Structures are given as structure tokens and as C-alpha cells.
Amino acid sequence: MAISPQIVRAACRHLRRSDPVMRRMMDDVGAFTLRPDRDRFGMLVRSIISQQISVGAARAIRQRLLQQIAPDRLQPETLLRLDMDQLRSVGLSLQKATYLRDLSARASDGTVHLRTIGRYSDEQVIAQLTQVKGVGHWTAQMFLIFALGRLDVFPHGDLGVRVAIRDRYGLPDLPDRETGLAIASAWRPFATVASWYCWRTLDLRRAAKPTRAATQPPPGQRRR
């Protein structure tokens, strides 16, 4: 379900009034543009595939998986038709192949109610999803944010959020859980929106960094 423009405006007004540091971050980034992903199963599959590998490698594995099941769509029943060798053939580790089969089985038999999971509280969603092998608390929080569009999720263990807090709030080190929660208390009940702005400030910083090629003088003008 999309987040309504009225709620977005209310969230932005609250954050601007309650936290001057966040206000500057919002000015730097611009409009809040998060759009929840309606493919709930697909998002969990991508989350499992992406664990501890690069974005490019995860994308390549997912593409090979889609080719493996074509012309069928990515659904629990579709993945359950693949045996372990077929899953491994697309580049999945044995562990991740096991995770995907566990996710597919639980989504298929109703242990994880992806169609109706949006009716549950944040805590109930986390409890349900973390039954799945390979789905931890952080992944469940990302699901709350990027699949369900929940507005008051603060992923205190997320490295990107912690880096942004450290840099923008002038901390000497990455914040621990207690420090992060104290800062995020000013964001409630819109911690999701504030966390999104934390991630986007890091994107801006990465985009502003010149590439090595861009910093090299043109051929013929390089220092000897």
C-alpha cells in the first residue's frame, strides 16, 4: 500500500520541527520518494540472495533464477518445484538455497501469511518472518519499511543509518543501540521517514565523490 501524500507531509513537518539536524538532511536530499514494493515474496527472496555478496552478484543470481523458472513467476510454489541442484546451478550457496526452500515452504503452507501479513503489528510481522531460516530481525525490519510501508521503524542495527547518525550528529564513533534510540526518539512516530533520509544522505555523499578516472589529468597533461 502506498504512503499517502498527506501522511508524508505530516511526517516531514514533524521531523523538521523536532530535529534541526534531520531538517538539514531533508533539505540536502529533497522530497521523500519511498514507494513500498508490492511483491512481498520477491522482496524476501532478494533479501536472502543479497546477503554478504555485492549488488552486482546478487542481481546476476536473481536473473539466472528468473530464467530458470521462466515463463513462471517468482512464487513459493514455483521455487518449490526446483531441487537443490537446480537452485545451486544459478549461483546460490547451499545455505542460501536451503533458506529459499524454507521461505517457499513456509509461505506456501501458510506459516508465513504474506497475503495478509500487512494486518499484523510490527512486532507480529517480525515474529512471523524470523521463523524463516536466513531471515533475521534486520531483514524483517527492511520488510516492514520497503514492503509494508510502516512509518515508525528504526533499524538501529543498520550500518548505513548508524554511519549517517555518526556523521551528521557529530559523534566520535558509530552510535550504540542506546544512543541511536535516544536520537530517534525525536523522530517518532515517523522513524521510517527519518531512516530513509539517513540512507539517502549516504547516497548523496557517494555520488559526490569523484571517480579515480575523473581525478586523473587528461592524457598528455599528467605529471611526469
Protein backbone atom coordinates (compact mmCIF):
# COMPACT_ATOMS: atom_id res chain seq x y z
CA MET A 1 0.00 0.00 0.00
CA ALA A 2 1.37 3.42 -0.98
CA ILE A 3 2.05 6.00 1.69
CA SER A 4 -0.43 8.83 1.23
CA PRO A 5 0.86 12.33 0.39
CA GLN A 6 -0.97 13.68 3.44
CA ILE A 7 0.92 11.37 5.76
CA VAL A 8 4.22 12.19 4.06
CA ARG A 9 3.59 15.91 4.56
CA ALA A 10 2.71 15.35 8.23
CA ALA A 11 5.84 13.27 8.73
CA CYS A 12 8.08 15.87 7.12
CA ARG A 13 6.55 18.69 9.17
CA HIS A 14 7.10 16.72 12.35
CA LEU A 15 10.73 15.88 11.56
CA ARG A 16 11.57 19.44 10.59
CA ARG A 17 10.12 20.78 13.82
CA SER A 18 11.52 18.16 16.16
CA ASP A 19 15.09 17.75 14.91
CA PRO A 20 17.20 20.53 13.33
CA VAL A 21 19.85 18.04 12.18
CA MET A 22 17.24 15.99 10.37
CA ARG A 23 15.84 19.20 8.89
CA ARG A 24 19.20 19.90 7.25
CA MET A 25 19.39 16.34 5.97
CA MET A 26 15.95 16.71 4.42
CA ASP A 27 16.99 19.97 2.77
CA ASP A 28 20.02 18.22 1.28
CA VAL A 29 18.09 15.22 -0.04
CA GLY A 30 14.78 16.71 -1.16
CA ALA A 31 11.41 15.00 -1.41
CA PHE A 32 10.61 11.71 0.28
CA THR A 33 10.06 9.21 -2.52
CA LEU A 34 9.78 5.78 -0.88
CA ARG A 35 7.29 3.53 -2.68
CA PRO A 36 6.61 0.18 -0.97
CA ASP A 37 7.28 -2.94 -3.06
CA ARG A 38 4.06 -4.90 -3.56
CA ASP A 39 5.93 -8.14 -4.39
CA ARG A 40 6.38 -9.30 -0.80
CA PHE A 41 7.69 -12.77 -1.60
CA GLY A 42 10.05 -11.41 -4.23
CA MET A 43 11.48 -8.91 -1.77
CA LEU A 44 12.28 -11.64 0.75
CA VAL A 45 13.90 -13.73 -1.98
CA ARG A 46 16.07 -10.76 -2.98
CA SER A 47 16.99 -10.14 0.66
CA ILE A 48 18.21 -13.71 1.11
CA ILE A 49 20.10 -13.76 -2.19
CA SER A 50 21.82 -10.45 -1.38
CA GLN A 51 23.26 -11.49 1.97
CA GLN A 52 27.04 -10.94 2.15
CA ILE A 53 27.58 -10.51 -1.61
CA SER A 54 27.83 -7.50 -3.89
CA VAL A 55 24.84 -5.85 -5.50
CA GLY A 56 26.05 -6.95 -8.94
CA ALA A 57 26.49 -10.58 -7.92
CA ALA A 58 23.05 -10.66 -6.28
CA ARG A 59 21.45 -9.18 -9.38
CA ALA A 60 23.11 -11.78 -11.62
CA ILE A 61 21.97 -14.68 -9.41
CA ARG A 62 18.42 -13.37 -9.29
CA GLN A 63 18.35 -13.00 -13.08
CA ARG A 64 19.54 -16.59 -13.54
CA LEU A 65 16.90 -17.76 -11.07
CA LEU A 66 14.18 -15.98 -13.04
CA GLN A 67 15.47 -17.60 -16.22
CA GLN A 68 15.42 -20.98 -14.50
CA ILE A 69 11.72 -20.70 -13.63
CA ALA A 70 10.57 -18.89 -16.82
CA PRO A 71 7.89 -18.50 -18.02
CA ASP A 72 6.52 -18.90 -14.49
CA ARG A 73 6.57 -16.05 -12.00
CA LEU A 74 8.62 -15.95 -8.80
CA GLN A 75 6.23 -17.57 -6.33
CA PRO A 76 6.60 -20.07 -3.47
CA GLU A 77 5.14 -22.96 -5.45
CA THR A 78 7.42 -22.19 -8.39
CA LEU A 79 10.59 -22.32 -6.30
CA LEU A 80 9.45 -25.49 -4.53
CA ARG A 81 9.47 -27.27 -7.89
CA LEU A 82 13.22 -26.69 -8.12
CA ASP A 83 15.50 -29.19 -6.41
CA MET A 84 18.68 -28.21 -4.61
CA ASP A 85 20.88 -28.86 -7.65
CA GLN A 86 18.76 -26.55 -9.77
CA LEU A 87 18.91 -23.83 -7.12
CA ARG A 88 22.66 -24.24 -6.76
CA SER A 89 23.10 -24.03 -10.54
CA VAL A 90 22.09 -20.35 -10.57
CA GLY A 91 24.92 -19.48 -8.19
CA LEU A 92 23.27 -19.89 -4.79
CA SER A 93 25.27 -21.32 -1.94
CA LEU A 94 23.95 -24.46 -0.27
CA GLN A 95 22.94 -22.34 2.72
CA LYS A 96 21.00 -19.79 0.67
CA ALA A 97 19.33 -22.50 -1.39
CA THR A 98 18.18 -24.03 1.90
CA TYR A 99 16.91 -20.64 3.06
CA LEU A 100 14.90 -20.11 -0.14
CA ARG A 101 13.32 -23.54 0.13
CA ASP A 102 12.39 -22.87 3.76
CA LEU A 103 10.90 -19.49 2.85
CA SER A 104 8.95 -21.03 -0.03
CA ALA A 105 7.62 -23.88 2.10
CA ARG A 106 6.51 -21.58 4.93
CA ALA A 107 4.88 -19.12 2.52
CA SER A 108 3.15 -21.96 0.69
CA ASP A 109 1.76 -23.76 3.74
CA GLY A 110 0.61 -20.55 5.45
CA THR A 111 3.15 -20.48 8.26
CA VAL A 112 4.10 -17.09 6.89
CA HIS A 113 0.94 -15.28 5.73
CA LEU A 114 2.36 -12.93 3.11
CA ARG A 115 -1.04 -12.04 1.66
CA THR A 116 -2.43 -10.87 4.99
CA ILE A 117 0.74 -10.01 6.89
CA GLY A 118 0.03 -6.31 6.49
CA ARG A 119 -2.80 -6.66 9.03
CA TYR A 120 -0.39 -7.54 11.83
CA SER A 121 1.54 -5.25 14.17
CA ASP A 122 5.22 -4.60 13.56
CA GLU A 123 6.16 -7.00 16.36
CA GLN A 124 3.92 -9.73 14.97
CA VAL A 125 5.36 -9.30 11.48
CA ILE A 126 8.91 -9.60 12.83
CA ALA A 127 8.00 -12.68 14.88
CA GLN A 128 6.41 -14.34 11.86
CA LEU A 129 9.19 -13.59 9.39
CA THR A 130 12.05 -14.56 11.69
CA GLN A 131 10.69 -18.10 11.75
CA VAL A 132 12.19 -18.40 8.27
CA LYS A 133 15.78 -19.61 8.08
CA GLY A 134 18.01 -16.77 6.92
CA VAL A 135 15.55 -14.02 7.87
CA GLY A 136 16.72 -12.08 10.91
CA HIS A 137 15.50 -9.02 12.73
CA TRP A 138 17.14 -6.58 10.29
CA THR A 139 15.63 -8.28 7.23
CA ALA A 140 12.22 -8.23 8.91
CA GLN A 141 12.60 -4.50 9.59
CA MET A 142 13.51 -3.89 5.95
CA PHE A 143 10.33 -5.77 5.01
CA LEU A 144 8.30 -3.54 7.31
CA ILE A 145 9.77 -0.46 5.62
CA PHE A 146 10.08 -1.42 1.98
CA ALA A 147 7.21 -3.90 1.56
CA LEU A 148 4.60 -2.73 4.07
CA GLY A 149 5.45 0.97 4.23
CA ARG A 150 5.32 1.07 8.02
CA LEU A 151 6.10 4.58 9.19
CA ASP A 152 7.76 4.17 12.58
CA VAL A 153 10.52 1.62 12.06
CA PHE A 154 14.00 2.49 13.32
CA PRO A 155 16.57 -0.12 12.23
CA HIS A 156 19.08 0.70 14.95
CA GLY A 157 21.44 -2.06 13.82
CA ASP A 158 21.63 -0.89 10.20
CA LEU A 159 25.16 0.20 9.33
CA GLY A 160 24.06 2.91 6.90
CA VAL A 161 21.75 4.54 9.42
CA ARG A 162 24.46 4.38 12.08
CA VAL A 163 27.05 5.92 9.77
CA ALA A 164 24.70 8.76 8.84
CA ILE A 165 23.89 9.43 12.50
CA ARG A 166 27.57 9.45 13.41
CA ASP A 167 28.49 11.85 10.62
CA ARG A 168 25.53 14.20 10.77
CA TYR A 169 25.19 14.37 14.54
CA GLY A 170 28.92 14.80 15.10
CA LEU A 171 29.54 11.62 17.07
CA PRO A 172 33.10 10.30 17.53
CA ASP A 173 32.06 6.70 16.83
CA LEU A 174 29.17 4.73 15.43
CA PRO A 175 26.23 5.03 17.83
CA ASP A 176 25.36 2.08 20.01
CA ARG A 177 21.76 0.96 20.34
CA GLU A 178 21.02 3.23 23.29
CA THR A 179 22.44 6.32 21.57
CA GLY A 180 20.62 5.57 18.33
CA LEU A 181 17.31 5.09 20.10
CA ALA A 182 17.78 8.33 22.02
CA ILE A 183 18.35 10.30 18.80
CA ALA A 184 15.47 8.54 17.07
CA SER A 185 13.09 9.39 19.89
CA ALA A 186 12.67 12.83 18.28
CA TRP A 187 11.66 11.14 15.02
CA ARG A 188 8.73 9.16 16.44
CA PRO A 189 6.20 8.32 15.12
CA PHE A 190 7.92 8.71 11.75
CA ALA A 191 11.24 6.94 12.30
CA THR A 192 10.96 5.21 8.92
CA VAL A 193 10.97 8.54 7.08
CA ALA A 194 13.98 9.75 9.07
CA SER A 195 15.85 6.47 8.45
CA TRP A 196 15.17 6.82 4.73
CA TYR A 197 16.74 10.27 4.79
CA CYS A 198 19.77 8.83 6.58
CA TRP A 199 20.27 6.33 3.75
CA ARG A 200 19.79 8.96 1.07
CA THR A 201 22.40 11.29 2.60
CA LEU A 202 24.93 8.49 2.17
CA ASP A 203 23.84 8.10 -1.46
CA LEU A 204 24.44 11.82 -1.99
CA ARG A 205 27.90 11.58 -0.48
CA ARG A 206 28.83 8.62 -2.67
CA ALA A 207 27.53 10.40 -5.76
CA ALA A 208 29.58 13.49 -4.92
CA LYS A 209 32.84 11.58 -4.67
CA PRO A 210 34.83 11.89 -7.91
CA THR A 211 35.84 8.64 -9.50
CA ARG A 212 39.53 7.85 -9.86
CA ALA A 213 39.29 8.33 -13.61
CA ALA A 214 37.68 11.74 -13.17
CA THR A 215 40.51 12.94 -10.94
CA GLN A 216 43.24 11.98 -13.42
CA PRO A 217 44.54 14.73 -15.74
CA PRO A 218 43.80 14.21 -19.44
CA PRO A 219 46.39 12.21 -21.43
CA GLY A 220 49.39 14.38 -22.23
CA GLN A 221 48.82 16.61 -19.19
CA ARG A 222 49.71 14.12 -16.49
CA ARG A 223 52.56 14.98 -14.22
CA ARG A 224 55.79 13.23 -15.04
